[in-house]
Amino acid sequence: MNQSNKRLILIIVSAIDALLSGIILLICFGFLPVDMSSWGVSPTVIGVVGGLWFVSSIAVLIYLLTRTEIE
């Protein structure tokens, strides 16, 4: 597998991570009607984990999209 295929896979995976963590944040802030009380975890913990996950996945996505190709 060459470098461009690896880079494309990482871009797709980080975009999916950003999408999933964004959904978690929407649930945490109450924009999506999901009952978090049955999950057994504090909503604050879910919000912090979702926020960190979102920020890190966006950072990786931005890095991969702005990195120049050196061959």
Protein backbone atom coordinates (compact mmCIF):
# COMPACT_ATOMS: atom_id res chain seq x y z
CA MET A 1 0.00 0.00 0.00
CA ASN A 2 1.50 3.30 -1.02
CA GLN A 3 1.55 6.55 0.96
CA SER A 4 -1.37 8.20 -0.83
CA ASN A 5 -3.65 5.25 -0.02
CA LYS A 6 -2.62 5.35 3.64
CA ARG A 7 -3.24 9.09 3.75
CA LEU A 8 -6.68 8.70 2.15
CA ILE A 9 -7.64 6.01 4.66
CA LEU A 10 -6.52 8.20 7.56
CA ILE A 11 -8.52 11.14 6.19
CA ILE A 12 -11.66 9.00 5.90
CA VAL A 13 -11.21 7.53 9.39
CA SER A 14 -10.63 10.92 11.02
CA ALA A 15 -13.67 12.37 9.22
CA ILE A 16 -15.81 9.50 10.52
CA ASP A 17 -14.37 10.07 14.02
CA ALA A 18 -15.29 13.76 13.82
CA LEU A 19 -18.81 12.85 12.71
CA LEU A 20 -19.32 10.31 15.51
CA SER A 21 -17.93 12.59 18.19
CA GLY A 22 -20.09 15.44 16.87
CA ILE A 23 -23.14 13.20 17.29
CA ILE A 24 -22.07 12.44 20.87
CA LEU A 25 -21.77 16.18 21.57
CA LEU A 26 -25.21 16.84 20.04
CA ILE A 27 -26.66 14.18 22.32
CA CYS A 28 -24.86 15.65 25.32
CA PHE A 29 -26.11 19.18 24.64
CA GLY A 30 -29.67 17.97 24.14
CA PHE A 31 -30.06 18.60 20.42
CA LEU A 32 -30.76 14.91 19.74
CA PRO A 33 -33.49 13.24 21.83
CA VAL A 34 -31.50 10.43 23.47
CA ASP A 35 -31.83 9.50 27.14
CA MET A 36 -28.30 9.39 28.56
CA SER A 37 -29.40 8.51 32.09
CA SER A 38 -29.64 4.81 31.21
CA TRP A 39 -26.00 4.71 30.07
CA GLY A 40 -24.71 4.65 33.67
CA VAL A 41 -22.18 7.44 33.06
CA SER A 42 -22.38 11.06 34.12
CA PRO A 43 -23.41 13.43 31.30
CA THR A 44 -20.44 15.63 32.21
CA VAL A 45 -18.02 12.78 31.58
CA ILE A 46 -19.71 12.01 28.27
CA GLY A 47 -19.45 15.68 27.27
CA VAL A 48 -15.77 15.94 28.18
CA VAL A 49 -14.85 12.71 26.41
CA GLY A 50 -16.91 13.68 23.35
CA GLY A 51 -15.35 17.13 23.27
CA LEU A 52 -11.79 15.83 23.50
CA TRP A 53 -12.54 13.19 20.88
CA PHE A 54 -14.00 15.85 18.55
CA VAL A 55 -11.10 18.27 18.96
CA SER A 56 -8.48 15.58 18.43
CA SER A 57 -10.18 14.13 15.35
CA ILE A 58 -10.58 17.60 13.81
CA ALA A 59 -6.91 18.34 14.54
CA VAL A 60 -5.79 15.13 12.82
CA LEU A 61 -8.10 15.82 9.87
CA ILE A 62 -6.79 19.37 9.44
CA TYR A 63 -3.21 18.14 9.68
CA LEU A 64 -3.76 15.48 7.03
CA LEU A 65 -5.57 17.86 4.69
CA THR A 66 -2.94 20.60 4.93
CA ARG A 67 0.18 18.40 4.84
CA THR A 68 2.20 18.64 1.66
CA GLU A 69 3.22 15.54 -0.26
CA ILE A 70 6.95 14.83 -0.19
CA GLU A 71 8.05 12.00 -2.40
